Every structure is written in C-alpha cells, then in structure tokens.
N, C-alpha and C. Protein backbone atom coordinates (compact mmCIF):
# COMPACT_ATOMS: atom_id res chain seq x y z
N UNK A 1 0.82 -1.19 0.00
CA UNK A 1 0.00 0.00 0.00
C UNK A 1 0.87 1.26 0.00
N UNK A 2 1.89 1.25 0.81
CA UNK A 2 2.80 2.38 0.87
C UNK A 2 3.51 2.57 -0.46
N UNK A 3 3.85 1.46 -1.12
CA UNK A 3 4.51 1.54 -2.42
C UNK A 3 3.63 2.27 -3.43
N UNK A 4 2.34 1.99 -3.43
CA UNK A 4 1.41 2.65 -4.35
C UNK A 4 1.34 4.15 -4.08
N UNK A 5 1.33 4.55 -2.83
CA UNK A 5 1.33 5.97 -2.49
C UNK A 5 2.62 6.65 -2.93
N UNK A 6 3.74 5.95 -2.79
CA UNK A 6 5.01 6.53 -3.22
C UNK A 6 5.06 6.69 -4.74
N UNK A 7 4.52 5.72 -5.47
CA UNK A 7 4.47 5.84 -6.93
C UNK A 7 3.59 7.01 -7.34
N UNK A 8 2.45 7.15 -6.70
CA UNK A 8 1.55 8.27 -7.01
C UNK A 8 2.20 9.61 -6.69
N UNK A 9 2.94 9.69 -5.61
CA UNK A 9 3.65 10.92 -5.26
C UNK A 9 4.73 11.22 -6.29
N UNK A 10 5.44 10.21 -6.73
CA UNK A 10 6.48 10.39 -7.74
C UNK A 10 5.87 10.85 -9.07
N UNK A 11 4.74 10.29 -9.44
CA UNK A 11 4.04 10.71 -10.66
C UNK A 11 3.60 12.16 -10.53
N UNK A 12 3.04 12.53 -9.41
CA UNK A 12 2.58 13.91 -9.21
C UNK A 12 3.73 14.90 -9.30
N UNK A 13 4.84 14.56 -8.69
CA UNK A 13 6.00 15.45 -8.75
C UNK A 13 6.53 15.53 -10.18
N UNK A 14 6.59 14.39 -10.87
CA UNK A 14 7.07 14.39 -12.25
C UNK A 14 6.18 15.19 -13.18
N UNK A 15 4.87 15.06 -13.02
CA UNK A 15 3.95 15.84 -13.85
C UNK A 15 4.02 17.33 -13.51
N UNK A 16 4.17 17.64 -12.24
CA UNK A 16 4.24 19.03 -11.82
C UNK A 16 5.45 19.74 -12.44
N UNK A 17 6.59 19.05 -12.45
CA UNK A 17 7.81 19.64 -12.98
C UNK A 17 8.05 19.28 -14.45
N UNK A 18 7.06 18.69 -15.10
CA UNK A 18 7.07 18.35 -16.53
C UNK A 18 8.29 17.54 -16.93
N UNK A 19 8.53 16.46 -16.20
CA UNK A 19 9.65 15.58 -16.52
C UNK A 19 9.28 14.66 -17.69
N UNK A 20 10.28 14.19 -18.42
CA UNK A 20 10.05 13.36 -19.59
C UNK A 20 9.41 12.01 -19.24
N UNK A 21 9.75 11.46 -18.12
CA UNK A 21 9.29 10.13 -17.73
C UNK A 21 7.93 10.14 -17.04
N UNK A 22 7.40 11.30 -16.77
CA UNK A 22 6.21 11.40 -15.92
C UNK A 22 4.96 10.77 -16.54
N UNK A 23 4.73 10.99 -17.82
CA UNK A 23 3.52 10.46 -18.45
C UNK A 23 3.58 8.94 -18.54
N UNK A 24 4.75 8.40 -18.87
CA UNK A 24 4.90 6.94 -18.95
C UNK A 24 4.64 6.31 -17.58
N UNK A 25 5.18 6.93 -16.55
CA UNK A 25 4.96 6.41 -15.20
C UNK A 25 3.51 6.58 -14.78
N UNK A 26 2.86 7.66 -15.22
CA UNK A 26 1.45 7.88 -14.89
C UNK A 26 0.57 6.82 -15.54
N UNK A 27 0.88 6.43 -16.77
CA UNK A 27 0.12 5.38 -17.45
C UNK A 27 0.31 4.05 -16.71
N UNK A 28 1.53 3.77 -16.33
CA UNK A 28 1.79 2.55 -15.54
C UNK A 28 1.09 2.58 -14.20
N UNK A 29 1.06 3.74 -13.59
CA UNK A 29 0.38 3.91 -12.31
C UNK A 29 -1.12 3.67 -12.45
N UNK A 30 -1.70 4.17 -13.55
CA UNK A 30 -3.14 3.96 -13.77
C UNK A 30 -3.44 2.48 -13.96
N UNK A 31 -2.64 1.78 -14.76
CA UNK A 31 -2.86 0.34 -14.95
C UNK A 31 -2.67 -0.43 -13.65
N UNK A 32 -1.66 -0.08 -12.89
CA UNK A 32 -1.43 -0.74 -11.60
C UNK A 32 -2.59 -0.50 -10.65
N UNK A 33 -3.08 0.72 -10.62
CA UNK A 33 -4.23 1.04 -9.76
C UNK A 33 -5.47 0.26 -10.14
N UNK A 34 -5.74 0.17 -11.46
CA UNK A 34 -6.91 -0.59 -11.91
C UNK A 34 -6.75 -2.08 -11.61
N UNK A 35 -5.55 -2.60 -11.79
CA UNK A 35 -5.30 -4.01 -11.49
C UNK A 35 -5.53 -4.30 -10.02
N UNK A 36 -5.03 -3.44 -9.16
CA UNK A 36 -5.22 -3.64 -7.72
C UNK A 36 -6.67 -3.50 -7.30
N UNK A 37 -7.39 -2.56 -7.92
CA UNK A 37 -8.82 -2.40 -7.60
C UNK A 37 -9.62 -3.63 -8.01
N UNK A 38 -9.32 -4.16 -9.19
CA UNK A 38 -10.02 -5.37 -9.64
C UNK A 38 -9.68 -6.54 -8.73
N UNK A 39 -8.43 -6.63 -8.31
CA UNK A 39 -8.04 -7.70 -7.40
C UNK A 39 -8.79 -7.59 -6.07
N UNK A 40 -8.93 -6.38 -5.58
CA UNK A 40 -9.64 -6.18 -4.32
C UNK A 40 -11.13 -6.49 -4.48
N UNK A 41 -11.69 -6.14 -5.65
CA UNK A 41 -13.12 -6.38 -5.88
C UNK A 41 -13.43 -7.85 -6.10
N UNK A 42 -12.58 -8.57 -6.82
CA UNK A 42 -12.92 -9.92 -7.25
C UNK A 42 -12.17 -10.99 -6.49
N UNK A 43 -10.88 -10.83 -6.29
CA UNK A 43 -10.06 -11.89 -5.69
C UNK A 43 -10.24 -11.96 -4.17
N UNK A 44 -10.19 -10.83 -3.50
CA UNK A 44 -10.28 -10.85 -2.04
C UNK A 44 -11.56 -11.46 -1.48
N UNK A 45 -12.73 -11.27 -2.12
CA UNK A 45 -13.92 -11.95 -1.57
C UNK A 45 -13.82 -13.47 -1.57
N UNK A 46 -13.05 -14.04 -2.50
CA UNK A 46 -12.85 -15.49 -2.49
C UNK A 46 -11.91 -15.92 -1.38
N UNK A 47 -10.94 -15.07 -1.05
CA UNK A 47 -9.96 -15.42 -0.02
C UNK A 47 -10.55 -15.24 1.38
N UNK A 48 -11.21 -14.11 1.60
CA UNK A 48 -11.79 -13.82 2.90
C UNK A 48 -13.30 -13.99 2.84
N UNK A 49 -13.73 -15.20 2.72
CA UNK A 49 -15.15 -15.52 2.56
C UNK A 49 -15.76 -15.82 3.93
N UNK A 50 -16.05 -14.77 4.68
CA UNK A 50 -16.58 -14.97 6.04
C UNK A 50 -18.11 -15.09 6.05
N UNK A 51 -18.81 -14.31 5.24
CA UNK A 51 -20.27 -14.34 5.28
C UNK A 51 -20.85 -14.51 3.87
N UNK A 52 -20.26 -15.38 3.07
CA UNK A 52 -20.73 -15.58 1.71
C UNK A 52 -20.01 -14.67 0.74
N UNK A 53 -20.23 -14.90 -0.53
CA UNK A 53 -19.56 -14.11 -1.57
C UNK A 53 -20.18 -12.72 -1.66
N UNK A 54 -19.34 -11.71 -1.68
CA UNK A 54 -19.81 -10.33 -1.69
C UNK A 54 -18.85 -9.49 -2.54
N UNK A 55 -19.35 -8.92 -3.65
CA UNK A 55 -18.52 -8.05 -4.49
C UNK A 55 -18.75 -6.60 -4.08
N UNK A 56 -17.66 -5.89 -3.87
CA UNK A 56 -17.72 -4.47 -3.55
C UNK A 56 -17.27 -3.68 -4.77
N UNK A 57 -18.05 -2.72 -5.19
CA UNK A 57 -17.68 -1.88 -6.31
C UNK A 57 -16.77 -0.77 -5.82
N UNK A 58 -15.57 -0.71 -6.40
CA UNK A 58 -14.60 0.30 -6.01
C UNK A 58 -14.72 1.50 -6.94
N UNK A 59 -14.91 2.68 -6.38
CA UNK A 59 -15.07 3.88 -7.18
C UNK A 59 -13.75 4.40 -7.74
N UNK A 60 -12.63 3.88 -7.25
CA UNK A 60 -11.33 4.30 -7.77
C UNK A 60 -11.21 3.95 -9.25
N UNK A 61 -11.80 2.84 -9.66
CA UNK A 61 -11.74 2.43 -11.06
C UNK A 61 -12.43 3.46 -11.94
N UNK A 62 -13.52 4.03 -11.47
CA UNK A 62 -14.24 5.06 -12.22
C UNK A 62 -13.36 6.29 -12.43
N UNK A 63 -12.54 6.63 -11.48
CA UNK A 63 -11.64 7.77 -11.62
C UNK A 63 -10.38 7.42 -12.42
N UNK A 64 -9.94 6.19 -12.36
CA UNK A 64 -8.71 5.81 -13.05
C UNK A 64 -8.88 5.67 -14.55
N UNK A 65 -10.07 5.34 -15.02
CA UNK A 65 -10.29 5.19 -16.46
C UNK A 65 -10.12 6.52 -17.20
N UNK A 66 -10.76 7.62 -16.78
CA UNK A 66 -10.50 8.89 -17.47
C UNK A 66 -9.06 9.38 -17.30
N UNK A 67 -8.47 9.09 -16.14
CA UNK A 67 -7.07 9.47 -15.90
C UNK A 67 -6.17 8.78 -16.91
N UNK A 68 -6.40 7.50 -17.15
CA UNK A 68 -5.61 6.74 -18.12
C UNK A 68 -5.83 7.29 -19.53
N UNK A 69 -7.05 7.60 -19.88
CA UNK A 69 -7.35 8.13 -21.22
C UNK A 69 -6.67 9.48 -21.45
N UNK A 70 -6.69 10.35 -20.45
CA UNK A 70 -6.04 11.66 -20.59
C UNK A 70 -4.53 11.49 -20.72
N UNK A 71 -3.94 10.62 -19.93
CA UNK A 71 -2.50 10.42 -20.00
C UNK A 71 -2.09 9.84 -21.35
N UNK A 72 -2.88 8.94 -21.90
CA UNK A 72 -2.58 8.40 -23.23
C UNK A 72 -2.71 9.47 -24.30
N UNK A 73 -3.69 10.34 -24.15
CA UNK A 73 -3.93 11.38 -25.14
C UNK A 73 -2.81 12.43 -25.14
N UNK A 74 -2.28 12.78 -23.98
CA UNK A 74 -1.26 13.81 -23.94
C UNK A 74 0.17 13.26 -24.06
N UNK A 75 0.31 11.93 -24.12
CA UNK A 75 1.65 11.34 -24.17
C UNK A 75 2.44 11.84 -25.38
N UNK A 76 1.85 11.86 -26.57
CA UNK A 76 2.60 12.28 -27.76
C UNK A 76 2.97 13.75 -27.69
N UNK A 77 2.08 14.60 -27.20
CA UNK A 77 2.41 16.02 -27.05
C UNK A 77 3.51 16.23 -26.02
N UNK A 78 3.44 15.48 -24.95
CA UNK A 78 4.40 15.61 -23.86
C UNK A 78 5.79 15.19 -24.31
N UNK A 79 5.88 14.08 -25.06
CA UNK A 79 7.17 13.56 -25.48
C UNK A 79 7.79 14.39 -26.61
N UNK A 80 6.97 15.10 -27.40
CA UNK A 80 7.51 15.88 -28.52
C UNK A 80 8.10 17.22 -28.07
N UNK A 81 7.73 17.69 -26.89
CA UNK A 81 8.25 18.99 -26.44
C UNK A 81 9.50 18.85 -25.61
C-alpha cells in the first residue's frame, strides 16, 4: 500500500515539474491502480469468505479510467516537447 502511495507521489512530482518520464509512469500507475482495484473487488472476496460471496464496487476504477485516457492522449504532445 505504501509503495502505491510513493508511486503516485512520484508521478505527481514528475507531472508538476514536466519531466520526460512522468507520463509513462502515470500510465503505468493507472494500470497498476486498476489491477489492484479489480483484485480487491474480485479476488479478495474469495480469499476472505466470512459471510458468503460479496462483491464491492470500487469507485477508484471510475476515476482511473479517465485518468488513463487523458495520460494516453497527452503522451505524444508531452514527449515531442
């Protein structure tokens, strides 16, 4: 969990200071975030099955999808400058 926060902080700092590697890391961060959210929604209920199967909808996925689309869209502009 701490690793994910550190990656997000590194992405934020890189985007703030317009570093070359920032958009690539942001795209990786978005995919990692979505992967972890799906794992928490689908895999964990099978592991910790205390009161039957229960899927929780994570709202982080809803925010990560537009974030990923914006980062993909600006990647070519960012790398050309």
